[in-house]
Amino acid sequence: MAWVYYMKIFDTRFQADCLAARIRDAEGVLQKAPKYVAVFRTPSGKYGIKILW
């Protein structure tokens, strides 16, 4: 399996954590729930979200 990276980069970790929590909570809406949702930091100091289906 491969990681899927969300296309938006956030300035703060709080913003990325909020979206990651919303993705985790959307299990009933999504056809297939993600196995793992993580926040990562880019070399430039910004944050992104990666999802493992």
Protein backbone atom coordinates (compact mmCIF):
# COMPACT_ATOMS: atom_id res chain seq x y z
CA MET A 1 0.00 0.00 0.00
CA ALA A 2 1.09 3.53 -0.62
CA TRP A 3 0.55 6.78 1.23
CA VAL A 4 -1.90 9.30 -0.18
CA TYR A 5 -0.88 12.90 0.50
CA TYR A 6 -3.52 15.59 0.94
CA MET A 7 -2.90 18.39 -1.56
CA LYS A 8 -2.93 21.30 0.88
CA ILE A 9 0.01 22.42 3.02
CA PHE A 10 -0.79 24.20 6.29
CA ASP A 11 1.13 26.92 8.14
CA THR A 12 0.45 25.51 11.61
CA ARG A 13 0.29 22.01 13.06
CA PHE A 14 -3.06 22.90 14.66
CA GLN A 15 -4.67 23.38 11.25
CA ALA A 16 -3.30 20.06 10.00
CA ASP A 17 -4.39 18.25 13.18
CA CYS A 18 -7.94 19.61 12.84
CA LEU A 19 -8.28 18.32 9.28
CA ALA A 20 -6.72 14.98 10.21
CA ALA A 21 -9.30 14.60 13.00
CA ARG A 22 -12.11 15.38 10.56
CA ILE A 23 -10.83 12.70 8.17
CA ARG A 24 -10.66 10.17 11.03
CA ASP A 25 -14.23 11.05 12.11
CA ALA A 26 -15.66 10.74 8.58
CA GLU A 27 -15.71 6.93 8.69
CA GLY A 28 -19.49 6.80 8.24
CA VAL A 29 -19.40 9.06 5.18
CA LEU A 30 -16.46 7.45 3.42
CA GLN A 31 -16.89 4.12 1.65
CA LYS A 32 -13.63 2.82 3.07
CA ALA A 33 -12.19 4.10 6.35
CA PRO A 34 -8.51 5.03 6.38
CA LYS A 35 -6.20 2.73 8.35
CA TYR A 36 -3.85 5.52 9.39
CA VAL A 37 -3.93 9.32 9.22
CA ALA A 38 -0.76 11.25 10.10
CA VAL A 39 0.50 14.82 10.14
CA PHE A 40 4.00 15.36 8.75
CA ARG A 41 6.34 18.32 8.62
CA THR A 42 7.92 19.48 5.37
CA PRO A 43 11.54 20.66 5.14
CA SER A 44 10.25 24.24 4.81
CA GLY A 45 8.58 24.01 8.23
CA LYS A 46 4.98 23.67 7.08
CA TYR A 47 2.65 20.73 7.76
CA GLY A 48 0.76 18.27 5.61
CA ILE A 49 -1.47 15.22 5.98
CA LYS A 50 -0.84 11.71 4.71
CA ILE A 51 -3.38 8.90 4.66
CA LEU A 52 -2.91 5.15 4.41
CA TRP A 53 -5.97 3.37 3.01
